[in-house]
Amino acid sequence: MPGQKILVVDDSWTELTMIVTPLRNSGFDVVTAVDGDEAVEKVFKERPQCIVLDVVLPKQNGFQVCRKLKSSEMSRHIPIILLTSKNTPLDKAWGCGKGLISILPSPLTVMS
């Protein structure tokens, strides 16, 4: 829904731009982070309604960030969309067990 805040986390500026631009053009308030530590910090500071999270990140990977956020009372309710370049059945099984709303292949395409 337009007006809601979304945190997009990716260490690739190209990927960030591909995700952020259409969200902002649709009226969403978008904040970004480029590593796992910054992502966790921004979740607690910015209070997003949704998180788009890449798996491959510096400092803490997306799985570590997800575990940390889902174990905190303050952030466990926030829906997370995980982006993974591997997109294996194991990634999907892990995500389903952690309460993710979706796992998408990275890099994103128009069809994603």
C-alpha atoms as a PDB file:
ATOM      1  CA  MET A   1       0.000   0.000   0.000  1.00  0.00           C
ATOM      2  CA  PRO A   2       1.378   3.415  -0.892  1.00  0.00           C
ATOM      3  CA  GLY A   3       2.626   5.455   2.048  1.00  0.00           C
ATOM      4  CA  GLN A   4       3.924   2.426   3.908  1.00  0.00           C
ATOM      5  CA  LYS A   5       7.608   2.114   4.717  1.00  0.00           C
ATOM      6  CA  ILE A   6       9.677  -0.647   3.122  1.00  0.00           C
ATOM      7  CA  LEU A   7      13.287  -1.464   3.984  1.00  0.00           C
ATOM      8  CA  VAL A   8      15.280  -2.768   1.010  1.00  0.00           C
ATOM      9  CA  VAL A   9      18.606  -4.445   1.858  1.00  0.00           C
ATOM     10  CA  ASP A  10      21.132  -5.269  -0.862  1.00  0.00           C
ATOM     11  CA  ASP A  11      24.857  -4.604  -1.251  1.00  0.00           C
ATOM     12  CA  SER A  12      24.498  -4.095  -5.016  1.00  0.00           C
ATOM     13  CA  TRP A  13      23.592  -0.535  -6.022  1.00  0.00           C
ATOM     14  CA  THR A  14      22.191  -1.895  -9.290  1.00  0.00           C
ATOM     15  CA  GLU A  15      19.830  -4.256  -7.464  1.00  0.00           C
ATOM     16  CA  LEU A  16      18.859  -1.551  -4.962  1.00  0.00           C
ATOM     17  CA  THR A  17      17.955   0.811  -7.793  1.00  0.00           C
ATOM     18  CA  MET A  18      15.937  -1.866  -9.613  1.00  0.00           C
ATOM     19  CA  ILE A  19      13.902  -2.548  -6.468  1.00  0.00           C
ATOM     20  CA  VAL A  20      13.664   0.936  -4.945  1.00  0.00           C
ATOM     21  CA  THR A  21      12.701   2.949  -8.041  1.00  0.00           C
ATOM     22  CA  PRO A  22       9.362   1.245  -8.813  1.00  0.00           C
ATOM     23  CA  LEU A  23       8.458   1.153  -5.113  1.00  0.00           C
ATOM     24  CA  ARG A  24       9.044   4.900  -4.732  1.00  0.00           C
ATOM     25  CA  ASN A  25       7.210   5.573  -8.004  1.00  0.00           C
ATOM     26  CA  SER A  26       4.256   3.670  -6.529  1.00  0.00           C
ATOM     27  CA  GLY A  27       4.204   5.913  -3.458  1.00  0.00           C
ATOM     28  CA  PHE A  28       6.018   3.758  -0.916  1.00  0.00           C
ATOM     29  CA  ASP A  29       8.410   5.313   1.598  1.00  0.00           C
ATOM     30  CA  VAL A  30      11.615   3.332   0.967  1.00  0.00           C
ATOM     31  CA  VAL A  31      14.704   3.181   3.167  1.00  0.00           C
ATOM     32  CA  THR A  32      17.806   1.195   2.240  1.00  0.00           C
ATOM     33  CA  ALA A  33      20.685  -0.658   3.850  1.00  0.00           C
ATOM     34  CA  VAL A  34      23.774  -2.186   2.225  1.00  0.00           C
ATOM     35  CA  ASP A  35      24.884  -4.726   4.853  1.00  0.00           C
ATOM     36  CA  GLY A  36      23.405  -6.926   7.555  1.00  0.00           C
ATOM     37  CA  ASP A  37      24.389  -4.745  10.501  1.00  0.00           C
ATOM     38  CA  GLU A  38      22.875  -1.636   8.909  1.00  0.00           C
ATOM     39  CA  ALA A  39      19.711  -3.602   8.111  1.00  0.00           C
ATOM     40  CA  VAL A  40      19.157  -4.592  11.749  1.00  0.00           C
ATOM     41  CA  GLU A  41      19.865  -1.038  12.912  1.00  0.00           C
ATOM     42  CA  LYS A  42      17.401   0.448  10.406  1.00  0.00           C
ATOM     43  CA  VAL A  43      14.646  -2.011  11.300  1.00  0.00           C
ATOM     44  CA  PHE A  44      14.651  -0.792  14.897  1.00  0.00           C
ATOM     45  CA  LYS A  45      15.135   2.872  13.954  1.00  0.00           C
ATOM     46  CA  GLU A  46      12.787   3.150  10.954  1.00  0.00           C
ATOM     47  CA  ARG A  47      10.095   0.566  11.862  1.00  0.00           C
ATOM     48  CA  PRO A  48       9.312  -0.604   8.307  1.00  0.00           C
ATOM     49  CA  GLN A  49       6.093  -2.452   7.488  1.00  0.00           C
ATOM     50  CA  CYS A  50       7.961  -4.837   5.151  1.00  0.00           C
ATOM     51  CA  ILE A  51      11.574  -5.866   4.436  1.00  0.00           C
ATOM     52  CA  VAL A  52      13.080  -6.952   1.115  1.00  0.00           C
ATOM     53  CA  LEU A  53      16.298  -8.730   2.123  1.00  0.00           C
ATOM     54  CA  ASP A  54      19.114 -10.129  -0.009  1.00  0.00           C
ATOM     55  CA  VAL A  55      20.825 -13.282   1.288  1.00  0.00           C
ATOM     56  CA  VAL A  56      24.374 -12.386   0.238  1.00  0.00           C
ATOM     57  CA  LEU A  57      25.406  -9.395   2.352  1.00  0.00           C
ATOM     58  CA  PRO A  58      28.545  -8.187   4.109  1.00  0.00           C
ATOM     59  CA  LYS A  59      28.851  -8.353   7.926  1.00  0.00           C
ATOM     60  CA  GLN A  60      25.734 -10.505   8.503  1.00  0.00           C
ATOM     61  CA  ASN A  61      24.098 -12.476   5.719  1.00  0.00           C
ATOM     62  CA  GLY A  62      20.371 -12.372   5.064  1.00  0.00           C
ATOM     63  CA  PHE A  63      19.734 -15.618   6.947  1.00  0.00           C
ATOM     64  CA  GLN A  64      21.476 -14.225  10.046  1.00  0.00           C
ATOM     65  CA  VAL A  65      19.544 -10.955   9.802  1.00  0.00           C
ATOM     66  CA  CYS A  66      16.277 -12.835   9.403  1.00  0.00           C
ATOM     67  CA  ARG A  67      16.991 -15.036  12.443  1.00  0.00           C
ATOM     68  CA  LYS A  68      17.819 -11.978  14.538  1.00  0.00           C
ATOM     69  CA  LEU A  69      14.692 -10.080  13.461  1.00  0.00           C
ATOM     70  CA  LYS A  70      12.345 -13.043  13.889  1.00  0.00           C
ATOM     71  CA  SER A  71      13.701 -13.688  17.403  1.00  0.00           C
ATOM     72  CA  SER A  72      12.958 -10.148  18.595  1.00  0.00           C
ATOM     73  CA  GLU A  73       9.535  -9.220  19.937  1.00  0.00           C
ATOM     74  CA  MET A  74       9.889  -5.779  18.317  1.00  0.00           C
ATOM     75  CA  SER A  75      10.438  -7.095  14.786  1.00  0.00           C
ATOM     76  CA  ARG A  76       9.101 -10.657  14.477  1.00  0.00           C
ATOM     77  CA  HIS A  77       5.802  -9.417  13.011  1.00  0.00           C
ATOM     78  CA  ILE A  78       7.466  -7.641  10.049  1.00  0.00           C
ATOM     79  CA  PRO A  79       7.010  -9.561   6.774  1.00  0.00           C
ATOM     80  CA  ILE A  80      10.286 -10.393   5.011  1.00  0.00           C
ATOM     81  CA  ILE A  81      10.788 -11.115   1.322  1.00  0.00           C
ATOM     82  CA  LEU A  82      14.105 -12.906   0.845  1.00  0.00           C
ATOM     83  CA  LEU A  83      16.154 -12.528  -2.355  1.00  0.00           C
ATOM     84  CA  THR A  84      18.523 -15.389  -3.135  1.00  0.00           C
ATOM     85  CA  SER A  85      20.749 -16.094  -6.110  1.00  0.00           C
ATOM     86  CA  LYS A  86      20.731 -19.819  -5.302  1.00  0.00           C
ATOM     87  CA  ASN A  87      16.951 -20.231  -5.011  1.00  0.00           C
ATOM     88  CA  THR A  88      17.362 -23.871  -3.963  1.00  0.00           C
ATOM     89  CA  PRO A  89      14.733 -26.080  -2.312  1.00  0.00           C
ATOM     90  CA  LEU A  90      16.825 -25.842   0.875  1.00  0.00           C
ATOM     91  CA  ASP A  91      16.576 -22.026   0.820  1.00  0.00           C
ATOM     92  CA  LYS A  92      12.813 -22.304   0.350  1.00  0.00           C
ATOM     93  CA  ALA A  93      12.457 -24.834   3.176  1.00  0.00           C
ATOM     94  CA  TRP A  94      14.536 -22.642   5.499  1.00  0.00           C
ATOM     95  CA  GLY A  95      12.432 -19.619   4.619  1.00  0.00           C
ATOM     96  CA  CYS A  96       9.120 -21.353   5.184  1.00  0.00           C
ATOM     97  CA  GLY A  97      10.272 -22.364   8.649  1.00  0.00           C
ATOM     98  CA  LYS A  98      11.205 -18.778   9.489  1.00  0.00           C
ATOM     99  CA  GLY A  99       7.927 -17.145   8.536  1.00  0.00           C
ATOM    100  CA  LEU A 100       9.062 -15.433   5.357  1.00  0.00           C
ATOM    101  CA  ILE A 101       6.289 -14.315   3.041  1.00  0.00           C
ATOM    102  CA  SER A 102       8.246 -15.039  -0.137  1.00  0.00           C
ATOM    103  CA  ILE A 103      11.593 -16.112  -1.512  1.00  0.00           C
ATOM    104  CA  LEU A 104      12.461 -14.607  -4.887  1.00  0.00           C
ATOM    105  CA  PRO A 105      15.369 -15.257  -7.241  1.00  0.00           C
ATOM    106  CA  SER A 106      18.079 -12.615  -7.391  1.00  0.00           C
ATOM    107  CA  PRO A 107      18.781 -10.684  -9.506  1.00  0.00           C
ATOM    108  CA  LEU A 108      15.158  -9.741  -9.950  1.00  0.00           C
ATOM    109  CA  THR A 109      13.616  -9.689 -13.385  1.00  0.00           C
ATOM    110  CA  VAL A 110      10.353  -8.237 -14.627  1.00  0.00           C
ATOM    111  CA  MET A 111       8.852 -11.717 -14.350  1.00  0.00           C
ATOM    112  CA  SER A 112       9.832 -12.051 -10.648  1.00  0.00           C
END
